[in-house]
Amino acid sequence: MNYGSYGGGQRGCGGGGIRLAIAAVVALVSLFTYFRNSSTNPITGEKQHISISADQEIALGLQAAPQMVQQYGGEDQDPQDQQLVNSVGDELRQKSAAGKTPYKFQFHCLADDQTVNAFALPGGQVFITRALLTKLKTRGQLAGVLGHEMGHVAARHGAEQMAKQQLTQGLTGAAVIATYDSRNPQSRAAMAMMVAQLVNLKYSRDDESEADKLGVRFMSEAGYDPNAMIGVMEVLKSVGGGGQAEFFQTHPNPEHRIERIKQNIKEEFPNGVPSGLKS
């Protein structure tokens, strides 16, 4: 109904006032909800505004994972590829601070041999395409890629971005997640909508920088030379911004990250990187 139409001026003012009042209430509730849900991340030490639990992150990631696998042509059928990804991923999980989080990391090598990409879902589902895997030269470089993606999970970047979206979109998403019940089909349908939103999340430049920093930390704790992360950036630079380099759509340009990674390494090892670390 058009309350501002000719002949309905008085009713239009009343209707407009009601709409503004409702909008104000929704905005206030959204702000209150956003700022009330705060916690300190034990890995980063940062205060975050997040409206879902780690268990709910895990549930979301598990529900979204099949969609992501299908999007990239399924799981890689070469058992050696998957074994390599699992082996390096498990080292990072077992030997770094990432393993002290509530997340049960699972690693997936995807069959797509054309699209260069790696990504993670909240809750610990980590993916790398065969196209990227085959361009990496060492286990250390793979540790750098997986460590970066595990950094996003440990830092709860996905959950943080979702909370920001809830702040701008009102309470709909928060209500869906708050009432999630795996035994309730309607709840699962609502969660599917959240999963669709989750799949399209993009991280900020600050999130990417923090994931790089955590990647350096995790791979170092697992016994890998963090300079391998710089090698990853060189590999990605060589790929260029071609149409199949999807990595460039979800991550900042590698050229802009190298200096900051060098600084991260210096902070991790102020006296220099020790010899004997795996490359």
C-alpha atoms as a PDB file:
ATOM      1  CA  MET A   1       0.000   0.000   0.000  1.00  0.00           C
ATOM      2  CA  ASN A   2       1.287   3.440  -0.882  1.00  0.00           C
ATOM      3  CA  TYR A   3       0.647   5.508   2.244  1.00  0.00           C
ATOM      4  CA  GLY A   4       1.962   8.637   0.557  1.00  0.00           C
ATOM      5  CA  SER A   5      -0.600   8.584  -2.263  1.00  0.00           C
ATOM      6  CA  TYR A   6      -2.893  11.526  -3.047  1.00  0.00           C
ATOM      7  CA  GLY A   7      -5.785  11.899  -0.607  1.00  0.00           C
ATOM      8  CA  GLY A   8      -4.229   9.790   2.168  1.00  0.00           C
ATOM      9  CA  GLY A   9      -1.816  12.303   3.652  1.00  0.00           C
ATOM     10  CA  GLN A  10      -2.816  11.971   7.299  1.00  0.00           C
ATOM     11  CA  ARG A  11      -2.853   8.196   7.268  1.00  0.00           C
ATOM     12  CA  GLY A  12       0.464   8.271   5.402  1.00  0.00           C
ATOM     13  CA  CYS A  13       2.103  10.221   8.218  1.00  0.00           C
ATOM     14  CA  GLY A  14       0.779   7.785  10.801  1.00  0.00           C
ATOM     15  CA  GLY A  15       1.884   4.757   8.795  1.00  0.00           C
ATOM     16  CA  GLY A  16       5.273   6.316   8.163  1.00  0.00           C
ATOM     17  CA  GLY A  17       5.693   6.980  11.878  1.00  0.00           C
ATOM     18  CA  ILE A  18       4.880   3.392  12.742  1.00  0.00           C
ATOM     19  CA  ARG A  19       7.302   2.116  10.150  1.00  0.00           C
ATOM     20  CA  LEU A  20      10.049   4.380  11.492  1.00  0.00           C
ATOM     21  CA  ALA A  21       9.360   3.241  15.052  1.00  0.00           C
ATOM     22  CA  ILE A  22       9.551  -0.415  14.025  1.00  0.00           C
ATOM     23  CA  ALA A  23      12.724   0.255  12.055  1.00  0.00           C
ATOM     24  CA  ALA A  24      14.263   1.977  15.090  1.00  0.00           C
ATOM     25  CA  VAL A  25      13.369  -0.911  17.382  1.00  0.00           C
ATOM     26  CA  VAL A  26      14.830  -3.467  14.958  1.00  0.00           C
ATOM     27  CA  ALA A  27      17.995  -1.376  14.598  1.00  0.00           C
ATOM     28  CA  LEU A  28      18.389  -1.011  18.360  1.00  0.00           C
ATOM     29  CA  VAL A  29      17.775  -4.692  19.000  1.00  0.00           C
ATOM     30  CA  SER A  30      20.235  -5.608  16.261  1.00  0.00           C
ATOM     31  CA  LEU A  31      22.895  -3.325  17.731  1.00  0.00           C
ATOM     32  CA  PHE A  32      22.231  -4.606  21.244  1.00  0.00           C
ATOM     33  CA  THR A  33      22.436  -8.214  20.050  1.00  0.00           C
ATOM     34  CA  TYR A  34      25.660  -7.586  18.148  1.00  0.00           C
ATOM     35  CA  PHE A  35      27.517  -5.839  20.966  1.00  0.00           C
ATOM     36  CA  ARG A  36      26.164  -8.097  23.709  1.00  0.00           C
ATOM     37  CA  ASN A  37      27.616 -11.201  22.074  1.00  0.00           C
ATOM     38  CA  SER A  38      31.294 -10.609  22.681  1.00  0.00           C
ATOM     39  CA  SER A  39      34.113 -12.929  23.617  1.00  0.00           C
ATOM     40  CA  THR A  40      37.896 -13.008  23.578  1.00  0.00           C
ATOM     41  CA  ASN A  41      39.492 -15.332  21.053  1.00  0.00           C
ATOM     42  CA  PRO A  42      42.058 -17.496  22.890  1.00  0.00           C
ATOM     43  CA  ILE A  43      44.248 -17.832  19.789  1.00  0.00           C
ATOM     44  CA  THR A  44      44.397 -14.188  18.714  1.00  0.00           C
ATOM     45  CA  GLY A  45      43.629 -12.507  22.048  1.00  0.00           C
ATOM     46  CA  GLU A  46      41.157 -10.230  20.288  1.00  0.00           C
ATOM     47  CA  LYS A  47      37.675  -9.306  21.472  1.00  0.00           C
ATOM     48  CA  GLN A  48      35.101 -10.421  18.911  1.00  0.00           C
ATOM     49  CA  HIS A  49      31.380  -9.971  18.407  1.00  0.00           C
ATOM     50  CA  ILE A  50      30.077 -13.414  17.447  1.00  0.00           C
ATOM     51  CA  SER A  51      26.551 -14.727  17.867  1.00  0.00           C
ATOM     52  CA  ILE A  52      27.101 -18.467  17.345  1.00  0.00           C
ATOM     53  CA  SER A  53      28.940 -21.150  19.269  1.00  0.00           C
ATOM     54  CA  ALA A  54      31.840 -23.244  18.042  1.00  0.00           C
ATOM     55  CA  ASP A  55      29.459 -26.222  17.786  1.00  0.00           C
ATOM     56  CA  GLN A  56      27.170 -24.194  15.524  1.00  0.00           C
ATOM     57  CA  GLU A  57      30.148 -23.181  13.384  1.00  0.00           C
ATOM     58  CA  ILE A  58      31.030 -26.853  13.017  1.00  0.00           C
ATOM     59  CA  ALA A  59      27.425 -27.702  12.076  1.00  0.00           C
ATOM     60  CA  LEU A  60      27.368 -24.945   9.458  1.00  0.00           C
ATOM     61  CA  GLY A  61      30.672 -26.016   7.967  1.00  0.00           C
ATOM     62  CA  LEU A  62      29.631 -29.658   7.750  1.00  0.00           C
ATOM     63  CA  GLN A  63      26.375 -28.718   6.064  1.00  0.00           C
ATOM     64  CA  ALA A  64      28.086 -26.443   3.531  1.00  0.00           C
ATOM     65  CA  ALA A  65      30.975 -28.807   2.738  1.00  0.00           C
ATOM     66  CA  PRO A  66      29.134 -31.092   0.252  1.00  0.00           C
ATOM     67  CA  GLN A  67      28.033 -28.065  -1.749  1.00  0.00           C
ATOM     68  CA  MET A  68      31.604 -26.807  -1.978  1.00  0.00           C
ATOM     69  CA  VAL A  69      32.918 -30.251  -2.942  1.00  0.00           C
ATOM     70  CA  GLN A  70      30.331 -30.525  -5.708  1.00  0.00           C
ATOM     71  CA  GLN A  71      31.137 -27.017  -6.956  1.00  0.00           C
ATOM     72  CA  TYR A  72      34.750 -28.070  -7.565  1.00  0.00           C
ATOM     73  CA  GLY A  73      34.071 -31.378  -9.291  1.00  0.00           C
ATOM     74  CA  GLY A  74      34.067 -33.624  -6.258  1.00  0.00           C
ATOM     75  CA  GLU A  75      36.892 -35.025  -4.184  1.00  0.00           C
ATOM     76  CA  ASP A  76      40.222 -35.690  -5.921  1.00  0.00           C
ATOM     77  CA  GLN A  77      40.264 -39.366  -6.858  1.00  0.00           C
ATOM     78  CA  ASP A  78      44.053 -39.633  -6.647  1.00  0.00           C
ATOM     79  CA  PRO A  79      44.635 -41.145  -3.185  1.00  0.00           C
ATOM     80  CA  GLN A  80      48.188 -39.775  -3.076  1.00  0.00           C
ATOM     81  CA  ASP A  81      46.924 -36.195  -3.366  1.00  0.00           C
ATOM     82  CA  GLN A  82      44.447 -36.621  -0.540  1.00  0.00           C
ATOM     83  CA  GLN A  83      46.987 -38.491   1.571  1.00  0.00           C
ATOM     84  CA  LEU A  84      49.482 -35.640   1.168  1.00  0.00           C
ATOM     85  CA  VAL A  85      46.909 -33.014   2.139  1.00  0.00           C
ATOM     86  CA  ASN A  86      45.765 -35.068   5.135  1.00  0.00           C
ATOM     87  CA  SER A  87      49.351 -35.708   6.234  1.00  0.00           C
ATOM     88  CA  VAL A  88      50.403 -32.057   6.254  1.00  0.00           C
ATOM     89  CA  GLY A  89      47.068 -30.905   7.659  1.00  0.00           C
ATOM     90  CA  ASP A  90      47.267 -33.404  10.505  1.00  0.00           C
ATOM     91  CA  GLU A  91      50.786 -32.224  11.362  1.00  0.00           C
ATOM     92  CA  LEU A  92      49.507 -28.676  11.681  1.00  0.00           C
ATOM     93  CA  ARG A  93      46.505 -29.770  13.729  1.00  0.00           C
ATOM     94  CA  GLN A  94      48.507 -31.967  16.099  1.00  0.00           C
ATOM     95  CA  LYS A  95      51.561 -29.763  16.631  1.00  0.00           C
ATOM     96  CA  SER A  96      50.243 -26.193  16.490  1.00  0.00           C
ATOM     97  CA  ALA A  97      47.884 -24.061  18.551  1.00  0.00           C
ATOM     98  CA  ALA A  98      45.201 -24.748  15.946  1.00  0.00           C
ATOM     99  CA  GLY A  99      44.766 -28.174  17.526  1.00  0.00           C
ATOM    100  CA  LYS A 100      43.865 -26.561  20.853  1.00  0.00           C
ATOM    101  CA  THR A 101      40.729 -25.007  19.378  1.00  0.00           C
ATOM    102  CA  PRO A 102      37.345 -26.790  19.500  1.00  0.00           C
ATOM    103  CA  TYR A 103      37.443 -27.321  15.743  1.00  0.00           C
ATOM    104  CA  LYS A 104      37.882 -30.798  14.286  1.00  0.00           C
ATOM    105  CA  PHE A 105      39.817 -29.901  11.170  1.00  0.00           C
ATOM    106  CA  GLN A 106      39.149 -31.972   8.067  1.00  0.00           C
ATOM    107  CA  PHE A 107      41.119 -31.523   4.859  1.00  0.00           C
ATOM    108  CA  HIS A 108      39.793 -31.958   1.349  1.00  0.00           C
ATOM    109  CA  CYS A 109      41.651 -32.113  -1.948  1.00  0.00           C
ATOM    110  CA  LEU A 110      39.201 -31.190  -4.700  1.00  0.00           C
ATOM    111  CA  ALA A 111      39.288 -32.690  -8.179  1.00  0.00           C
ATOM    112  CA  ASP A 112      39.210 -29.354 -10.034  1.00  0.00           C
ATOM    113  CA  ASP A 113      42.523 -29.175 -11.905  1.00  0.00           C
ATOM    114  CA  GLN A 114      41.778 -25.832 -13.580  1.00  0.00           C
ATOM    115  CA  THR A 115      40.709 -23.490 -10.771  1.00  0.00           C
ATOM    116  CA  VAL A 116      43.508 -22.346  -8.470  1.00  0.00           C
ATOM    117  CA  ASN A 117      41.940 -21.941  -5.059  1.00  0.00           C
ATOM    118  CA  ALA A 118      42.034 -22.797  -1.369  1.00  0.00           C
ATOM    119  CA  PHE A 119      39.471 -21.882   1.260  1.00  0.00           C
ATOM    120  CA  ALA A 120      37.986 -22.900   4.595  1.00  0.00           C
ATOM    121  CA  LEU A 121      34.528 -22.976   6.115  1.00  0.00           C
ATOM    122  CA  PRO A 122      33.823 -22.057   9.730  1.00  0.00           C
ATOM    123  CA  GLY A 123      34.186 -25.078  11.957  1.00  0.00           C
ATOM    124  CA  GLY A 124      37.277 -26.558  10.321  1.00  0.00           C
ATOM    125  CA  GLN A 125      36.483 -27.792   6.812  1.00  0.00           C
ATOM    126  CA  VAL A 126      39.603 -26.893   4.762  1.00  0.00           C
ATOM    127  CA  PHE A 127      39.835 -27.240   0.976  1.00  0.00           C
ATOM    128  CA  ILE A 128      42.506 -27.011  -1.710  1.00  0.00           C
ATOM    129  CA  THR A 129      42.010 -27.637  -5.407  1.00  0.00           C
ATOM    130  CA  ARG A 130      44.231 -30.016  -7.326  1.00  0.00           C
ATOM    131  CA  ALA A 131      45.074 -27.080  -9.600  1.00  0.00           C
ATOM    132  CA  LEU A 132      46.759 -25.294  -6.699  1.00  0.00           C
ATOM    133  CA  LEU A 133      48.204 -28.411  -5.083  1.00  0.00           C
ATOM    134  CA  THR A 134      50.085 -29.424  -8.220  1.00  0.00           C
ATOM    135  CA  LYS A 135      51.681 -25.966  -8.444  1.00  0.00           C
ATOM    136  CA  LEU A 136      53.169 -26.161  -4.962  1.00  0.00           C
ATOM    137  CA  LYS A 137      56.760 -27.351  -4.861  1.00  0.00           C
ATOM    138  CA  THR A 138      57.228 -28.507  -1.257  1.00  0.00           C
ATOM    139  CA  ARG A 139      55.344 -29.815   1.765  1.00  0.00           C
ATOM    140  CA  GLY A 140      56.245 -26.554   3.464  1.00  0.00           C
ATOM    141  CA  GLN A 141      54.371 -24.570   0.832  1.00  0.00           C
ATOM    142  CA  LEU A 142      51.345 -26.814   1.346  1.00  0.00           C
ATOM    143  CA  ALA A 143      51.674 -26.216   5.085  1.00  0.00           C
ATOM    144  CA  GLY A 144      51.621 -22.488   4.353  1.00  0.00           C
ATOM    145  CA  VAL A 145      48.387 -22.729   2.350  1.00  0.00           C
ATOM    146  CA  LEU A 146      46.648 -24.983   4.872  1.00  0.00           C
ATOM    147  CA  GLY A 147      47.971 -22.972   7.813  1.00  0.00           C
ATOM    148  CA  HIS A 148      46.534 -19.783   6.333  1.00  0.00           C
ATOM    149  CA  GLU A 149      43.104 -21.370   5.910  1.00  0.00           C
ATOM    150  CA  MET A 150      43.245 -22.890   9.390  1.00  0.00           C
ATOM    151  CA  GLY A 151      44.042 -19.377  10.599  1.00  0.00           C
ATOM    152  CA  HIS A 152      40.696 -18.162   9.267  1.00  0.00           C
ATOM    153  CA  VAL A 153      38.960 -20.930  11.216  1.00  0.00           C
ATOM    154  CA  ALA A 154      40.864 -20.407  14.465  1.00  0.00           C
ATOM    155  CA  ALA A 155      40.354 -16.646  14.294  1.00  0.00           C
ATOM    156  CA  ARG A 156      36.625 -17.260  13.676  1.00  0.00           C
ATOM    157  CA  HIS A 157      36.604 -14.886  10.724  1.00  0.00           C
ATOM    158  CA  GLY A 158      33.593 -16.555   9.115  1.00  0.00           C
ATOM    159  CA  ALA A 159      31.500 -16.321  12.274  1.00  0.00           C
ATOM    160  CA  GLU A 160      32.628 -12.730  12.728  1.00  0.00           C
ATOM    161  CA  GLN A 161      31.556 -11.802   9.192  1.00  0.00           C
ATOM    162  CA  MET A 162      28.218 -13.520   9.708  1.00  0.00           C
ATOM    163  CA  ALA A 163      27.621 -11.492  12.869  1.00  0.00           C
ATOM    164  CA  LYS A 164      28.330  -8.302  10.938  1.00  0.00           C
ATOM    165  CA  GLN A 165      25.843  -9.382   8.275  1.00  0.00           C
ATOM    166  CA  GLN A 166      23.274 -10.069  10.967  1.00  0.00           C
ATOM    167  CA  LEU A 167      23.832  -6.588  12.332  1.00  0.00           C
ATOM    168  CA  THR A 168      22.980  -5.033   8.984  1.00  0.00           C
ATOM    169  CA  GLN A 169      20.219  -7.456   8.052  1.00  0.00           C
ATOM    170  CA  GLY A 170      18.363  -7.505  11.356  1.00  0.00           C
ATOM    171  CA  LEU A 171      17.631 -10.448  13.573  1.00  0.00           C
ATOM    172  CA  THR A 172      16.558 -13.003  10.969  1.00  0.00           C
ATOM    173  CA  GLY A 173      19.863 -14.815  10.710  1.00  0.00           C
ATOM    174  CA  ALA A 174      20.463 -14.621  14.465  1.00  0.00           C
ATOM    175  CA  ALA A 175      17.054 -16.145  15.158  1.00  0.00           C
ATOM    176  CA  VAL A 176      17.683 -18.980  12.690  1.00  0.00           C
ATOM    177  CA  ILE A 177      20.988 -19.877  14.272  1.00  0.00           C
ATOM    178  CA  ALA A 178      19.763 -19.420  17.859  1.00  0.00           C
ATOM    179  CA  THR A 179      16.868 -21.831  17.276  1.00  0.00           C
ATOM    180  CA  TYR A 180      18.855 -24.373  15.259  1.00  0.00           C
ATOM    181  CA  ASP A 181      17.817 -27.925  16.051  1.00  0.00           C
ATOM    182  CA  SER A 182      19.328 -30.732  13.988  1.00  0.00           C
ATOM    183  CA  ARG A 183      16.195 -32.838  14.642  1.00  0.00           C
ATOM    184  CA  ASN A 184      13.853 -30.183  13.251  1.00  0.00           C
ATOM    185  CA  PRO A 185      13.459 -30.285   9.424  1.00  0.00           C
ATOM    186  CA  GLN A 186      12.236 -26.680   9.330  1.00  0.00           C
ATOM    187  CA  SER A 187      15.286 -25.595  11.275  1.00  0.00           C
ATOM    188  CA  ARG A 188      17.503 -27.505   8.826  1.00  0.00           C
ATOM    189  CA  ALA A 189      15.822 -25.733   5.902  1.00  0.00           C
ATOM    190  CA  ALA A 190      16.454 -22.381   7.544  1.00  0.00           C
ATOM    191  CA  MET A 191      20.052 -23.358   8.161  1.00  0.00           C
ATOM    192  CA  ALA A 192      20.380 -24.171   4.456  1.00  0.00           C
ATOM    193  CA  MET A 193      19.672 -20.519   3.724  1.00  0.00           C
ATOM    194  CA  MET A 194      22.415 -19.528   6.129  1.00  0.00           C
ATOM    195  CA  VAL A 195      24.764 -21.992   4.456  1.00  0.00           C
ATOM    196  CA  ALA A 196      24.104 -20.357   1.093  1.00  0.00           C
ATOM    197  CA  GLN A 197      25.071 -17.047   2.663  1.00  0.00           C
ATOM    198  CA  LEU A 198      28.105 -18.627   4.286  1.00  0.00           C
ATOM    199  CA  VAL A 199      29.463 -20.001   1.019  1.00  0.00           C
ATOM    200  CA  ASN A 200      29.650 -16.484  -0.418  1.00  0.00           C
ATOM    201  CA  LEU A 201      31.451 -14.907   2.519  1.00  0.00           C
ATOM    202  CA  LYS A 202      34.530 -12.856   1.698  1.00  0.00           C
ATOM    203  CA  TYR A 203      37.099 -11.853   4.245  1.00  0.00           C
ATOM    204  CA  SER A 204      38.435  -8.365   4.783  1.00  0.00           C
ATOM    205  CA  ARG A 205      42.032  -7.378   4.103  1.00  0.00           C
ATOM    206  CA  ASP A 206      42.641  -7.367   7.870  1.00  0.00           C
ATOM    207  CA  ASP A 207      41.264 -10.906   8.128  1.00  0.00           C
ATOM    208  CA  GLU A 208      43.579 -12.075   5.360  1.00  0.00           C
ATOM    209  CA  SER A 209      46.586 -10.456   7.025  1.00  0.00           C
ATOM    210  CA  GLU A 210      45.698 -12.099  10.327  1.00  0.00           C
ATOM    211  CA  ALA A 211      45.287 -15.480   8.603  1.00  0.00           C
ATOM    212  CA  ASP A 212      48.743 -15.059   7.048  1.00  0.00           C
ATOM    213  CA  LYS A 213      50.176 -14.286  10.483  1.00  0.00           C
ATOM    214  CA  LEU A 214      48.491 -17.320  12.029  1.00  0.00           C
ATOM    215  CA  GLY A 215      49.593 -19.445   9.078  1.00  0.00           C
ATOM    216  CA  VAL A 216      53.216 -18.469   9.777  1.00  0.00           C
ATOM    217  CA  ARG A 217      52.703 -19.313  13.442  1.00  0.00           C
ATOM    218  CA  PHE A 218      50.983 -22.665  12.876  1.00  0.00           C
ATOM    219  CA  MET A 219      53.457 -23.938  10.292  1.00  0.00           C
ATOM    220  CA  SER A 220      56.393 -22.859  12.471  1.00  0.00           C
ATOM    221  CA  GLU A 221      54.933 -24.665  15.485  1.00  0.00           C
ATOM    222  CA  ALA A 222      54.592 -27.767  13.300  1.00  0.00           C
ATOM    223  CA  GLY A 223      58.285 -27.584  12.410  1.00  0.00           C
ATOM    224  CA  TYR A 224      58.079 -25.997   8.960  1.00  0.00           C
ATOM    225  CA  ASP A 225      60.213 -23.113   7.756  1.00  0.00           C
ATOM    226  CA  PRO A 226      57.775 -20.172   7.499  1.00  0.00           C
ATOM    227  CA  ASN A 227      59.714 -18.802   4.530  1.00  0.00           C
ATOM    228  CA  ALA A 228      57.826 -21.434   2.549  1.00  0.00           C
ATOM    229  CA  MET A 229      54.840 -19.084   2.842  1.00  0.00           C
ATOM    230  CA  ILE A 230      56.748 -16.574   0.727  1.00  0.00           C
ATOM    231  CA  GLY A 231      57.280 -19.375  -1.776  1.00  0.00           C
ATOM    232  CA  VAL A 232      53.493 -19.814  -1.912  1.00  0.00           C
ATOM    233  CA  MET A 233      53.088 -16.143  -2.782  1.00  0.00           C
ATOM    234  CA  GLU A 234      55.658 -16.515  -5.566  1.00  0.00           C
ATOM    235  CA  VAL A 235      53.736 -19.507  -6.941  1.00  0.00           C
ATOM    236  CA  LEU A 236      50.505 -17.505  -6.881  1.00  0.00           C
ATOM    237  CA  LYS A 237      52.172 -14.549  -8.561  1.00  0.00           C
ATOM    238  CA  SER A 238      53.267 -16.847 -11.368  1.00  0.00           C
ATOM    239  CA  VAL A 239      49.658 -17.968 -11.852  1.00  0.00           C
ATOM    240  CA  GLY A 240      48.601 -14.385 -12.428  1.00  0.00           C
ATOM    241  CA  GLY A 241      45.096 -12.980 -12.405  1.00  0.00           C
ATOM    242  CA  GLY A 242      43.726 -15.213 -15.159  1.00  0.00           C
ATOM    243  CA  GLY A 243      40.103 -16.245 -15.337  1.00  0.00           C
ATOM    244  CA  GLN A 244      40.738 -19.570 -13.591  1.00  0.00           C
ATOM    245  CA  ALA A 245      42.752 -18.069 -10.739  1.00  0.00           C
ATOM    246  CA  GLU A 246      39.816 -17.930  -8.362  1.00  0.00           C
ATOM    247  CA  PHE A 247      42.226 -17.457  -5.475  1.00  0.00           C
ATOM    248  CA  PHE A 248      42.579 -13.840  -6.575  1.00  0.00           C
ATOM    249  CA  GLN A 249      38.847 -13.264  -6.161  1.00  0.00           C
ATOM    250  CA  THR A 250      38.911 -14.278  -2.504  1.00  0.00           C
ATOM    251  CA  HIS A 251      42.418 -13.259  -1.381  1.00  0.00           C
ATOM    252  CA  PRO A 252      44.464 -10.056  -1.762  1.00  0.00           C
ATOM    253  CA  ASN A 253      47.177  -9.908  -4.399  1.00  0.00           C
ATOM    254  CA  PRO A 254      50.148 -12.042  -3.248  1.00  0.00           C
ATOM    255  CA  GLU A 255      52.572  -9.278  -4.225  1.00  0.00           C
ATOM    256  CA  HIS A 256      51.072  -7.070  -1.528  1.00  0.00           C
ATOM    257  CA  ARG A 257      51.334  -9.768   1.130  1.00  0.00           C
ATOM    258  CA  ILE A 258      54.988 -10.757   0.899  1.00  0.00           C
ATOM    259  CA  GLU A 259      56.429  -7.849   2.910  1.00  0.00           C
ATOM    260  CA  ARG A 260      53.884  -8.332   5.665  1.00  0.00           C
ATOM    261  CA  ILE A 261      54.620 -12.065   5.793  1.00  0.00           C
ATOM    262  CA  LYS A 262      58.325 -11.278   6.111  1.00  0.00           C
ATOM    263  CA  GLN A 263      57.437  -9.055   9.065  1.00  0.00           C
ATOM    264  CA  ASN A 264      55.327 -11.850  10.573  1.00  0.00           C
ATOM    265  CA  ILE A 265      58.309 -14.202  10.303  1.00  0.00           C
ATOM    266  CA  LYS A 266      60.574 -11.642  11.961  1.00  0.00           C
ATOM    267  CA  GLU A 267      58.098 -11.285  14.827  1.00  0.00           C
ATOM    268  CA  GLU A 268      57.851 -15.071  15.207  1.00  0.00           C
ATOM    269  CA  PHE A 269      61.656 -15.478  15.098  1.00  0.00           C
ATOM    270  CA  PRO A 270      63.280 -12.194  16.219  1.00  0.00           C
ATOM    271  CA  ASN A 271      66.708 -13.881  16.279  1.00  0.00           C
ATOM    272  CA  GLY A 272      66.266 -15.400  12.822  1.00  0.00           C
ATOM    273  CA  VAL A 273      64.630 -18.569  11.608  1.00  0.00           C
ATOM    274  CA  PRO A 274      66.475 -21.530  13.137  1.00  0.00           C
ATOM    275  CA  SER A 275      68.059 -24.100  10.891  1.00  0.00           C
ATOM    276  CA  GLY A 276      66.669 -27.592  10.611  1.00  0.00           C
ATOM    277  CA  LEU A 277      63.036 -26.642   9.989  1.00  0.00           C
ATOM    278  CA  LYS A 278      61.250 -28.560   7.241  1.00  0.00           C
ATOM    279  CA  SER A 279      60.916 -26.856   3.884  1.00  0.00           C
END
